Amino acid sequence: MAAQWGNNTLGAGQTASWSFTRNAASGFMPVLHVMPLTPSFDGDGSFYWTKFDDGIALPTTPQLGVSTIWVQLSNDRSQLIYRMMVMNFSSSTIEYAFLESDV
């Protein structure tokens, strides 16, 4: 079951970087997602690939883009450190939340 937390707002054309830390445990891997809480007023909700100048392409909707979630183990192997970016490709402010589930 997924837990929703962290309501955030992102202005038109803005990007936010996030970092999360979770305790490392054998057989436990949290999965993080981003869910829009406001309707998309740009486009028809179709899925697109957005290509950036450096050649990286990310899946996006007309409104919200999320980078690949990078994970690294802390030096003492006790923590998992997650990093991600959330991008607003729309012409209006959006609100979003994080969803976390366990695998």
PDB file of N, CA and C in Angstrom:
ATOM      1  N   MET A   1       0.839  -1.163   0.000  1.00  0.00           N
ATOM      2  CA  MET A   1       0.000   0.000   0.000  1.00  0.00           C
ATOM      3  C   MET A   1       0.892   1.237   0.000  1.00  0.00           C
ATOM      4  N   ALA A   2       0.544   2.215  -0.796  1.00  0.00           N
ATOM      5  CA  ALA A   2       1.348   3.441  -0.931  1.00  0.00           C
ATOM      6  C   ALA A   2       0.913   4.475   0.098  1.00  0.00           C
ATOM      7  N   ALA A   3       1.879   5.221   0.599  1.00  0.00           N
ATOM      8  CA  ALA A   3       1.620   6.332   1.515  1.00  0.00           C
ATOM      9  C   ALA A   3       1.857   7.636   0.769  1.00  0.00           C
ATOM     10  N   GLN A   4       0.906   8.554   0.860  1.00  0.00           N
ATOM     11  CA  GLN A   4       1.042   9.875   0.220  1.00  0.00           C
ATOM     12  C   GLN A   4       1.522  10.870   1.259  1.00  0.00           C
ATOM     13  N   TRP A   5       2.510  11.715   0.873  1.00  0.00           N
ATOM     14  CA  TRP A   5       3.018  12.720   1.799  1.00  0.00           C
ATOM     15  C   TRP A   5       3.679  13.857   1.029  1.00  0.00           C
ATOM     16  N   GLY A   6       3.893  14.974   1.691  1.00  0.00           N
ATOM     17  CA  GLY A   6       4.670  16.085   1.145  1.00  0.00           C
ATOM     18  C   GLY A   6       4.001  16.867   0.048  1.00  0.00           C
ATOM     19  N   ASN A   7       2.851  17.492   0.287  1.00  0.00           N
ATOM     20  CA  ASN A   7       2.242  18.344  -0.733  1.00  0.00           C
ATOM     21  C   ASN A   7       3.153  19.531  -1.038  1.00  0.00           C
ATOM     22  N   ASN A   8       3.425  19.755  -2.330  1.00  0.00           N
ATOM     23  CA  ASN A   8       4.333  20.807  -2.779  1.00  0.00           C
ATOM     24  C   ASN A   8       3.718  21.551  -3.948  1.00  0.00           C
ATOM     25  N   THR A   9       4.164  22.783  -4.169  1.00  0.00           N
ATOM     26  CA  THR A   9       3.706  23.592  -5.291  1.00  0.00           C
ATOM     27  C   THR A   9       4.908  23.960  -6.139  1.00  0.00           C
ATOM     28  N   LEU A  10       4.724  23.935  -7.461  1.00  0.00           N
ATOM     29  CA  LEU A  10       5.802  24.244  -8.392  1.00  0.00           C
ATOM     30  C   LEU A  10       5.261  25.178  -9.465  1.00  0.00           C
ATOM     31  N   GLY A  11       5.885  26.347  -9.633  1.00  0.00           N
ATOM     32  CA  GLY A  11       5.445  27.341 -10.605  1.00  0.00           C
ATOM     33  C   GLY A  11       5.717  26.911 -12.034  1.00  0.00           C
ATOM     34  N   ALA A  12       5.081  27.601 -12.957  1.00  0.00           N
ATOM     35  CA  ALA A  12       5.222  27.305 -14.388  1.00  0.00           C
ATOM     36  C   ALA A  12       6.690  27.322 -14.805  1.00  0.00           C
ATOM     37  N   GLY A  13       7.152  26.272 -15.465  1.00  0.00           N
ATOM     38  CA  GLY A  13       8.515  26.199 -15.971  1.00  0.00           C
ATOM     39  C   GLY A  13       9.586  25.992 -14.917  1.00  0.00           C
ATOM     40  N   GLN A  14       9.226  25.744 -13.660  1.00  0.00           N
ATOM     41  CA  GLN A  14      10.218  25.583 -12.597  1.00  0.00           C
ATOM     42  C   GLN A  14      10.600  24.119 -12.385  1.00  0.00           C
ATOM     43  N   THR A  15      11.730  23.920 -11.707  1.00  0.00           N
ATOM     44  CA  THR A  15      12.238  22.597 -11.356  1.00  0.00           C
ATOM     45  C   THR A  15      12.579  22.569  -9.876  1.00  0.00           C
ATOM     46  N   ALA A  16      12.304  21.461  -9.207  1.00  0.00           N
ATOM     47  CA  ALA A  16      12.662  21.284  -7.795  1.00  0.00           C
ATOM     48  C   ALA A  16      13.489  20.012  -7.668  1.00  0.00           C
ATOM     49  N   SER A  17      14.555  20.072  -6.896  1.00  0.00           N
ATOM     50  CA  SER A  17      15.392  18.906  -6.624  1.00  0.00           C
ATOM     51  C   SER A  17      15.103  18.410  -5.216  1.00  0.00           C
ATOM     52  N   TRP A  18      15.027  17.101  -5.065  1.00  0.00           N
ATOM     53  CA  TRP A  18      14.687  16.505  -3.778  1.00  0.00           C
ATOM     54  C   TRP A  18      15.698  15.436  -3.405  1.00  0.00           C
ATOM     55  N   SER A  19      15.925  15.283  -2.112  1.00  0.00           N
ATOM     56  CA  SER A  19      16.774  14.236  -1.576  1.00  0.00           C
ATOM     57  C   SER A  19      16.073  13.637  -0.357  1.00  0.00           C
ATOM     58  N   PHE A  20      15.999  12.317  -0.296  1.00  0.00           N
ATOM     59  CA  PHE A  20      15.349  11.618   0.804  1.00  0.00           C
ATOM     60  C   PHE A  20      16.294  10.572   1.356  1.00  0.00           C
ATOM     61  N   THR A  21      16.253  10.348   2.647  1.00  0.00           N
ATOM     62  CA  THR A  21      17.090   9.336   3.285  1.00  0.00           C
ATOM     63  C   THR A  21      16.196   8.328   3.995  1.00  0.00           C
ATOM     64  N   ARG A  22      16.462   7.055   3.780  1.00  0.00           N
ATOM     65  CA  ARG A  22      15.732   5.975   4.438  1.00  0.00           C
ATOM     66  C   ARG A  22      16.753   4.998   5.017  1.00  0.00           C
ATOM     67  N   ASN A  23      16.390   4.356   6.117  1.00  0.00           N
ATOM     68  CA  ASN A  23      17.266   3.344   6.691  1.00  0.00           C
ATOM     69  C   ASN A  23      17.376   2.168   5.735  1.00  0.00           C
ATOM     70  N   ALA A  24      18.584   1.657   5.570  1.00  0.00           N
ATOM     71  CA  ALA A  24      18.811   0.492   4.716  1.00  0.00           C
ATOM     72  C   ALA A  24      18.446  -0.758   5.507  1.00  0.00           C
ATOM     73  N   ALA A  25      17.687  -1.648   4.882  1.00  0.00           N
ATOM     74  CA  ALA A  25      17.313  -2.906   5.522  1.00  0.00           C
ATOM     75  C   ALA A  25      17.325  -3.992   4.458  1.00  0.00           C
ATOM     76  N   SER A  26      17.747  -5.168   4.838  1.00  0.00           N
ATOM     77  CA  SER A  26      17.811  -6.285   3.908  1.00  0.00           C
ATOM     78  C   SER A  26      16.405  -6.624   3.408  1.00  0.00           C
ATOM     79  N   GLY A  27      16.253  -6.724   2.085  1.00  0.00           N
ATOM     80  CA  GLY A  27      14.978  -7.087   1.506  1.00  0.00           C
ATOM     81  C   GLY A  27      13.960  -5.962   1.453  1.00  0.00           C
ATOM     82  N   PHE A  28      14.352  -4.737   1.756  1.00  0.00           N
ATOM     83  CA  PHE A  28      13.426  -3.601   1.773  1.00  0.00           C
ATOM     84  C   PHE A  28      13.888  -2.563   0.765  1.00  0.00           C
ATOM     85  N   MET A  29      13.007  -2.174  -0.136  1.00  0.00           N
ATOM     86  CA  MET A  29      13.350  -1.159  -1.117  1.00  0.00           C
ATOM     87  C   MET A  29      12.143  -0.259  -1.329  1.00  0.00           C
ATOM     88  N   PRO A  30      12.143   0.947  -0.743  1.00  0.00           N
ATOM     89  CA  PRO A  30      11.024   1.849  -0.991  1.00  0.00           C
ATOM     90  C   PRO A  30      11.038   2.363  -2.427  1.00  0.00           C
ATOM     91  N   VAL A  31       9.861   2.517  -3.004  1.00  0.00           N
ATOM     92  CA  VAL A  31       9.710   3.053  -4.348  1.00  0.00           C
ATOM     93  C   VAL A  31       9.003   4.393  -4.229  1.00  0.00           C
ATOM     94  N   LEU A  32       9.588   5.450  -4.809  1.00  0.00           N
ATOM     95  CA  LEU A  32       9.019   6.787  -4.737  1.00  0.00           C
ATOM     96  C   LEU A  32       8.411   7.180  -6.077  1.00  0.00           C
ATOM     97  N   HIS A  33       7.258   7.826  -6.022  1.00  0.00           N
ATOM     98  CA  HIS A  33       6.558   8.331  -7.204  1.00  0.00           C
ATOM     99  C   HIS A  33       6.125   9.760  -6.920  1.00  0.00           C
ATOM    100  N   VAL A  34       5.781  10.499  -7.951  1.00  0.00           N
ATOM    101  CA  VAL A  34       5.208  11.832  -7.809  1.00  0.00           C
ATOM    102  C   VAL A  34       3.827  11.817  -8.449  1.00  0.00           C
ATOM    103  N   MET A  35       2.836  12.374  -7.729  1.00  0.00           N
ATOM    104  CA  MET A  35       1.465  12.384  -8.216  1.00  0.00           C
ATOM    105  C   MET A  35       0.944  13.822  -8.265  1.00  0.00           C
ATOM    106  N   PRO A  36       0.472  14.285  -9.431  1.00  0.00           N
ATOM    107  CA  PRO A  36      -0.108  15.627  -9.485  1.00  0.00           C
ATOM    108  C   PRO A  36      -1.410  15.675  -8.697  1.00  0.00           C
ATOM    109  N   LEU A  37      -1.640  16.784  -7.987  1.00  0.00           N
ATOM    110  CA  LEU A  37      -2.861  16.973  -7.221  1.00  0.00           C
ATOM    111  C   LEU A  37      -3.789  17.987  -7.871  1.00  0.00           C
ATOM    112  N   THR A  38      -3.311  18.663  -8.912  1.00  0.00           N
ATOM    113  CA  THR A  38      -4.137  19.619  -9.641  1.00  0.00           C
ATOM    114  C   THR A  38      -4.340  19.100 -11.058  1.00  0.00           C
ATOM    115  N   PRO A  39      -5.448  19.449 -11.692  1.00  0.00           N
ATOM    116  CA  PRO A  39      -5.688  18.978 -13.060  1.00  0.00           C
ATOM    117  C   PRO A  39      -4.723  19.615 -14.050  1.00  0.00           C
ATOM    118  N   SER A  40      -4.469  18.916 -15.149  1.00  0.00           N
ATOM    119  CA  SER A  40      -3.624  19.442 -16.205  1.00  0.00           C
ATOM    120  C   SER A  40      -4.473  20.254 -17.169  1.00  0.00           C
ATOM    121  N   PHE A  41      -4.112  21.507 -17.363  1.00  0.00           N
ATOM    122  CA  PHE A  41      -4.822  22.367 -18.288  1.00  0.00           C
ATOM    123  C   PHE A  41      -4.070  22.526 -19.597  1.00  0.00           C
ATOM    124  N   ASP A  42      -2.914  21.869 -19.725  1.00  0.00           N
ATOM    125  CA  ASP A  42      -2.109  21.906 -20.946  1.00  0.00           C
ATOM    126  C   ASP A  42      -2.203  20.556 -21.632  1.00  0.00           C
ATOM    127  N   GLY A  43      -2.656  20.515 -22.856  1.00  0.00           N
ATOM    128  CA  GLY A  43      -2.678  19.281 -23.634  1.00  0.00           C
ATOM    129  C   GLY A  43      -3.818  18.360 -23.245  1.00  0.00           C
ATOM    130  N   ASP A  44      -3.750  17.137 -23.749  1.00  0.00           N
ATOM    131  CA  ASP A  44      -4.830  16.177 -23.562  1.00  0.00           C
ATOM    132  C   ASP A  44      -4.478  15.057 -22.587  1.00  0.00           C
ATOM    133  N   GLY A  45      -3.372  15.186 -21.861  1.00  0.00           N
ATOM    134  CA  GLY A  45      -2.962  14.167 -20.904  1.00  0.00           C
ATOM    135  C   GLY A  45      -2.188  13.016 -21.523  1.00  0.00           C
ATOM    136  N   SER A  46      -1.850  13.104 -22.803  1.00  0.00           N
ATOM    137  CA  SER A  46      -1.083  12.052 -23.464  1.00  0.00           C
ATOM    138  C   SER A  46       0.335  11.997 -22.909  1.00  0.00           C
ATOM    139  N   PHE A  47       0.974  10.864 -23.100  1.00  0.00           N
ATOM    140  CA  PHE A  47       2.338  10.631 -22.631  1.00  0.00           C
ATOM    141  C   PHE A  47       3.325  11.086 -23.692  1.00  0.00           C
ATOM    142  N   TYR A  48       4.375  11.803 -23.307  1.00  0.00           N
ATOM    143  CA  TYR A  48       5.384  12.313 -24.241  1.00  0.00           C
ATOM    144  C   TYR A  48       6.784  12.015 -23.721  1.00  0.00           C
ATOM    145  N   TRP A  49       7.747  12.014 -24.635  1.00  0.00           N
ATOM    146  CA  TRP A  49       9.164  12.005 -24.255  1.00  0.00           C
ATOM    147  C   TRP A  49       9.686  13.411 -24.491  1.00  0.00           C
ATOM    148  N   THR A  50      10.278  14.006 -23.459  1.00  0.00           N
ATOM    149  CA  THR A  50      10.848  15.345 -23.575  1.00  0.00           C
ATOM    150  C   THR A  50      12.361  15.210 -23.636  1.00  0.00           C
ATOM    151  N   LYS A  51      12.977  15.698 -24.712  1.00  0.00           N
ATOM    152  CA  LYS A  51      14.431  15.600 -24.891  1.00  0.00           C
ATOM    153  C   LYS A  51      15.066  16.936 -24.540  1.00  0.00           C
ATOM    154  N   PHE A  52      16.115  16.883 -23.711  1.00  0.00           N
ATOM    155  CA  PHE A  52      16.822  18.069 -23.255  1.00  0.00           C
ATOM    156  C   PHE A  52      18.078  18.295 -24.090  1.00  0.00           C
ATOM    157  N   ASP A  53      18.681  19.466 -23.957  1.00  0.00           N
ATOM    158  CA  ASP A  53      19.853  19.838 -24.756  1.00  0.00           C
ATOM    159  C   ASP A  53      21.018  18.870 -24.615  1.00  0.00           C
ATOM    160  N   ASP A  54      21.166  18.243 -23.437  1.00  0.00           N
ATOM    161  CA  ASP A  54      22.298  17.335 -23.236  1.00  0.00           C
ATOM    162  C   ASP A  54      22.004  15.921 -23.757  1.00  0.00           C
ATOM    163  N   GLY A  55      20.854  15.733 -24.439  1.00  0.00           N
ATOM    164  CA  GLY A  55      20.528  14.444 -25.033  1.00  0.00           C
ATOM    165  C   GLY A  55      19.708  13.526 -24.155  1.00  0.00           C
ATOM    166  N   ILE A  56      19.475  13.901 -22.902  1.00  0.00           N
ATOM    167  CA  ILE A  56      18.679  13.075 -22.002  1.00  0.00           C
ATOM    168  C   ILE A  56      17.202  13.242 -22.346  1.00  0.00           C
ATOM    169  N   ALA A  57      16.476  12.144 -22.424  1.00  0.00           N
ATOM    170  CA  ALA A  57      15.036  12.181 -22.671  1.00  0.00           C
ATOM    171  C   ALA A  57      14.303  11.593 -21.470  1.00  0.00           C
ATOM    172  N   LEU A  58      13.262  12.296 -20.994  1.00  0.00           N
ATOM    173  CA  LEU A  58      12.491  11.846 -19.840  1.00  0.00           C
ATOM    174  C   LEU A  58      11.027  11.727 -20.225  1.00  0.00           C
ATOM    175  N   PRO A  59      10.316  10.718 -19.679  1.00  0.00           N
ATOM    176  CA  PRO A  59       8.877  10.633 -19.942  1.00  0.00           C
ATOM    177  C   PRO A  59       8.149  11.740 -19.184  1.00  0.00           C
ATOM    178  N   THR A  60       7.242  12.416 -19.849  1.00  0.00           N
ATOM    179  CA  THR A  60       6.502  13.504 -19.221  1.00  0.00           C
ATOM    180  C   THR A  60       5.059  13.500 -19.702  1.00  0.00           C
ATOM    181  N   THR A  61       4.217  14.163 -18.953  1.00  0.00           N
ATOM    182  CA  THR A  61       2.911  14.558 -19.447  1.00  0.00           C
ATOM    183  C   THR A  61       3.074  16.028 -19.782  1.00  0.00           C
ATOM    184  N   PRO A  62       2.094  16.674 -20.395  1.00  0.00           N
ATOM    185  CA  PRO A  62       2.271  18.098 -20.674  1.00  0.00           C
ATOM    186  C   PRO A  62       2.497  18.919 -19.402  1.00  0.00           C
ATOM    187  N   GLN A  63       2.139  18.383 -18.258  1.00  0.00           N
ATOM    188  CA  GLN A  63       2.211  19.154 -17.028  1.00  0.00           C
ATOM    189  C   GLN A  63       3.430  18.834 -16.168  1.00  0.00           C
ATOM    190  N   LEU A  64       3.655  17.579 -15.849  1.00  0.00           N
ATOM    191  CA  LEU A  64       4.610  17.212 -14.803  1.00  0.00           C
ATOM    192  C   LEU A  64       5.645  16.233 -15.338  1.00  0.00           C
ATOM    193  N   GLY A  65       6.911  16.499 -15.071  1.00  0.00           N
ATOM    194  CA  GLY A  65       7.988  15.588 -15.430  1.00  0.00           C
ATOM    195  C   GLY A  65       8.751  15.183 -14.190  1.00  0.00           C
ATOM    196  N   VAL A  66       9.246  13.956 -14.148  1.00  0.00           N
ATOM    197  CA  VAL A  66      10.004  13.452 -13.011  1.00  0.00           C
ATOM    198  C   VAL A  66      11.244  12.763 -13.543  1.00  0.00           C
ATOM    199  N   SER A  67      12.389  13.092 -12.969  1.00  0.00           N
ATOM    200  CA  SER A  67      13.637  12.471 -13.407  1.00  0.00           C
ATOM    201  C   SER A  67      13.696  11.029 -12.931  1.00  0.00           C
ATOM    202  N   THR A  68      14.680  10.309 -13.426  1.00  0.00           N
ATOM    203  CA  THR A  68      15.005   9.016 -12.853  1.00  0.00           C
ATOM    204  C   THR A  68      15.361   9.232 -11.396  1.00  0.00           C
ATOM    205  N   ILE A  69      14.992   8.297 -10.547  1.00  0.00           N
ATOM    206  CA  ILE A  69      15.305   8.424  -9.128  1.00  0.00           C
ATOM    207  C   ILE A  69      16.644   7.727  -8.889  1.00  0.00           C
ATOM    208  N   TRP A  70      17.631   8.507  -8.486  1.00  0.00           N
ATOM    209  CA  TRP A  70      18.959   7.960  -8.215  1.00  0.00           C
ATOM    210  C   TRP A  70      19.026   7.530  -6.758  1.00  0.00           C
ATOM    211  N   VAL A  71      19.643   6.373  -6.503  1.00  0.00           N
ATOM    212  CA  VAL A  71      19.773   5.854  -5.140  1.00  0.00           C
ATOM    213  C   VAL A  71      21.231   5.506  -4.904  1.00  0.00           C
ATOM    214  N   GLN A  72      21.720   5.872  -3.716  1.00  0.00           N
ATOM    215  CA  GLN A  72      23.069   5.462  -3.342  1.00  0.00           C
ATOM    216  C   GLN A  72      23.067   5.018  -1.892  1.00  0.00           C
ATOM    217  N   LEU A  73      23.988   4.146  -1.551  1.00  0.00           N
ATOM    218  CA  LEU A  73      24.156   3.653  -0.197  1.00  0.00           C
ATOM    219  C   LEU A  73      25.139   4.557   0.530  1.00  0.00           C
ATOM    220  N   SER A  74      24.832   4.929   1.773  1.00  0.00           N
ATOM    221  CA  SER A  74      25.743   5.788   2.533  1.00  0.00           C
ATOM    222  C   SER A  74      27.055   5.049   2.793  1.00  0.00           C
ATOM    223  N   ASN A  75      28.092   5.806   3.145  1.00  0.00           N
ATOM    224  CA  ASN A  75      29.421   5.211   3.362  1.00  0.00           C
ATOM    225  C   ASN A  75      29.413   4.129   4.436  1.00  0.00           C
ATOM    226  N   ASP A  76      28.580   4.291   5.466  1.00  0.00           N
ATOM    227  CA  ASP A  76      28.533   3.281   6.532  1.00  0.00           C
ATOM    228  C   ASP A  76      27.480   2.194   6.258  1.00  0.00           C
ATOM    229  N   ARG A  77      26.849   2.237   5.081  1.00  0.00           N
ATOM    230  CA  ARG A  77      25.869   1.254   4.613  1.00  0.00           C
ATOM    231  C   ARG A  77      24.600   1.189   5.457  1.00  0.00           C
ATOM    232  N   SER A  78      24.326   2.216   6.236  1.00  0.00           N
ATOM    233  CA  SER A  78      23.137   2.200   7.084  1.00  0.00           C
ATOM    234  C   SER A  78      21.960   2.952   6.474  1.00  0.00           C
ATOM    235  N   GLN A  79      22.216   3.774   5.448  1.00  0.00           N
ATOM    236  CA  GLN A  79      21.172   4.618   4.875  1.00  0.00           C
ATOM    237  C   GLN A  79      21.137   4.485   3.356  1.00  0.00           C
ATOM    238  N   LEU A  80      19.940   4.575   2.787  1.00  0.00           N
ATOM    239  CA  LEU A  80      19.749   4.716   1.353  1.00  0.00           C
ATOM    240  C   LEU A  80      19.411   6.176   1.088  1.00  0.00           C
ATOM    241  N   ILE A  81      20.091   6.799   0.145  1.00  0.00           N
ATOM    242  CA  ILE A  81      19.875   8.214  -0.170  1.00  0.00           C
ATOM    243  C   ILE A  81      19.276   8.295  -1.569  1.00  0.00           C
ATOM    244  N   TYR A  82      18.074   8.841  -1.662  1.00  0.00           N
ATOM    245  CA  TYR A  82      17.345   8.978  -2.929  1.00  0.00           C
ATOM    246  C   TYR A  82      17.430  10.416  -3.410  1.00  0.00           C
ATOM    247  N   ARG A  83      17.611  10.602  -4.708  1.00  0.00           N
ATOM    248  CA  ARG A  83      17.631  11.938  -5.304  1.00  0.00           C
ATOM    249  C   ARG A  83      16.748  11.935  -6.549  1.00  0.00           C
ATOM    250  N   MET A  84      15.978  13.011  -6.734  1.00  0.00           N
ATOM    251  CA  MET A  84      15.117  13.125  -7.906  1.00  0.00           C
ATOM    252  C   MET A  84      14.834  14.591  -8.203  1.00  0.00           C
ATOM    253  N   MET A  85      14.395  14.868  -9.423  1.00  0.00           N
ATOM    254  CA  MET A  85      13.962  16.206  -9.812  1.00  0.00           C
ATOM    255  C   MET A  85      12.519  16.122 -10.291  1.00  0.00           C
ATOM    256  N   VAL A  86      11.756  17.165  -9.975  1.00  0.00           N
ATOM    257  CA  VAL A  86      10.388  17.293 -10.461  1.00  0.00           C
ATOM    258  C   VAL A  86      10.351  18.555 -11.315  1.00  0.00           C
ATOM    259  N   MET A  87       9.784  18.456 -12.528  1.00  0.00           N
ATOM    260  CA  MET A  87       9.773  19.581 -13.462  1.00  0.00           C
ATOM    261  C   MET A  87       8.348  19.905 -13.876  1.00  0.00           C
ATOM    262  N   ASN A  88       8.019  21.184 -13.913  1.00  0.00           N
ATOM    263  CA  ASN A  88       6.700  21.636 -14.355  1.00  0.00           C
ATOM    264  C   ASN A  88       6.833  22.162 -15.781  1.00  0.00           C
ATOM    265  N   PHE A  89       6.306  21.418 -16.747  1.00  0.00           N
ATOM    266  CA  PHE A  89       6.381  21.810 -18.145  1.00  0.00           C
ATOM    267  C   PHE A  89       5.168  22.614 -18.589  1.00  0.00           C
ATOM    268  N   SER A  90       4.247  22.883 -17.665  1.00  0.00           N
ATOM    269  CA  SER A  90       3.015  23.583 -18.032  1.00  0.00           C
ATOM    270  C   SER A  90       3.181  25.094 -17.921  1.00  0.00           C
ATOM    271  N   SER A  91       2.143  25.799 -18.294  1.00  0.00           N
ATOM    272  CA  SER A  91       2.144  27.262 -18.202  1.00  0.00           C
ATOM    273  C   SER A  91       1.406  27.737 -16.960  1.00  0.00           C
ATOM    274  N   SER A  92       1.127  26.825 -16.025  1.00  0.00           N
ATOM    275  CA  SER A  92       0.452  27.209 -14.782  1.00  0.00           C
ATOM    276  C   SER A  92       1.104  26.506 -13.596  1.00  0.00           C
ATOM    277  N   THR A  93       0.816  26.981 -12.402  1.00  0.00           N
ATOM    278  CA  THR A  93       1.346  26.387 -11.175  1.00  0.00           C
ATOM    279  C   THR A  93       0.645  25.059 -10.916  1.00  0.00           C
ATOM    280  N   ILE A  94       1.410  24.061 -10.475  1.00  0.00           N
ATOM    281  CA  ILE A  94       0.822  22.770 -10.138  1.00  0.00           C
ATOM    282  C   ILE A  94       1.127  22.424  -8.692  1.00  0.00           C
ATOM    283  N   GLU A  95       0.287  21.585  -8.116  1.00  0.00           N
ATOM    284  CA  GLU A  95       0.516  21.037  -6.788  1.00  0.00           C
ATOM    285  C   GLU A  95       0.703  19.540  -6.954  1.00  0.00           C
ATOM    286  N   TYR A  96       1.640  18.963  -6.202  1.00  0.00           N
ATOM    287  CA  TYR A  96       1.902  17.535  -6.309  1.00  0.00           C
ATOM    288  C   TYR A  96       2.278  16.976  -4.951  1.00  0.00           C
ATOM    289  N   ALA A  97       2.239  15.655  -4.836  1.00  0.00           N
ATOM    290  CA  ALA A  97       2.621  14.956  -3.611  1.00  0.00           C
ATOM    291  C   ALA A  97       3.499  13.778  -3.992  1.00  0.00           C
ATOM    292  N   PHE A  98       4.201  13.243  -2.995  1.00  0.00           N
ATOM    293  CA  PHE A  98       5.009  12.050  -3.192  1.00  0.00           C
ATOM    294  C   PHE A  98       4.197  10.824  -2.742  1.00  0.00           C
ATOM    295  N   LEU A  99       4.402   9.725  -3.423  1.00  0.00           N
ATOM    296  CA  LEU A  99       3.842   8.437  -3.034  1.00  0.00           C
ATOM    297  C   LEU A  99       5.001   7.504  -2.770  1.00  0.00           C
ATOM    298  N   GLU A 100       4.932   6.766  -1.676  1.00  0.00           N
ATOM    299  CA  GLU A 100       5.987   5.820  -1.336  1.00  0.00           C
ATOM    300  C   GLU A 100       5.364   4.460  -1.073  1.00  0.00           C
ATOM    301  N   SER A 101       5.897   3.449  -1.730  1.00  0.00           N
ATOM    302  CA  SER A 101       5.449   2.071  -1.491  1.00  0.00           C
ATOM    303  C   SER A 101       6.677   1.195  -1.298  1.00  0.00           C
ATOM    304  N   ASP A 102       6.483   0.038  -0.735  1.00  0.00           N
ATOM    305  CA  ASP A 102       7.583  -0.884  -0.457  1.00  0.00           C
ATOM    306  C   ASP A 102       7.568  -2.037  -1.445  1.00  0.00           C
ATOM    307  N   VAL A 103       8.772  -2.456  -1.860  1.00  0.00           N
ATOM    308  CA  VAL A 103       8.906  -3.620  -2.734  1.00  0.00           C
ATOM    309  C   VAL A 103       9.591  -4.719  -1.968  1.00  0.00           C
TER     310      VAL A 103
END
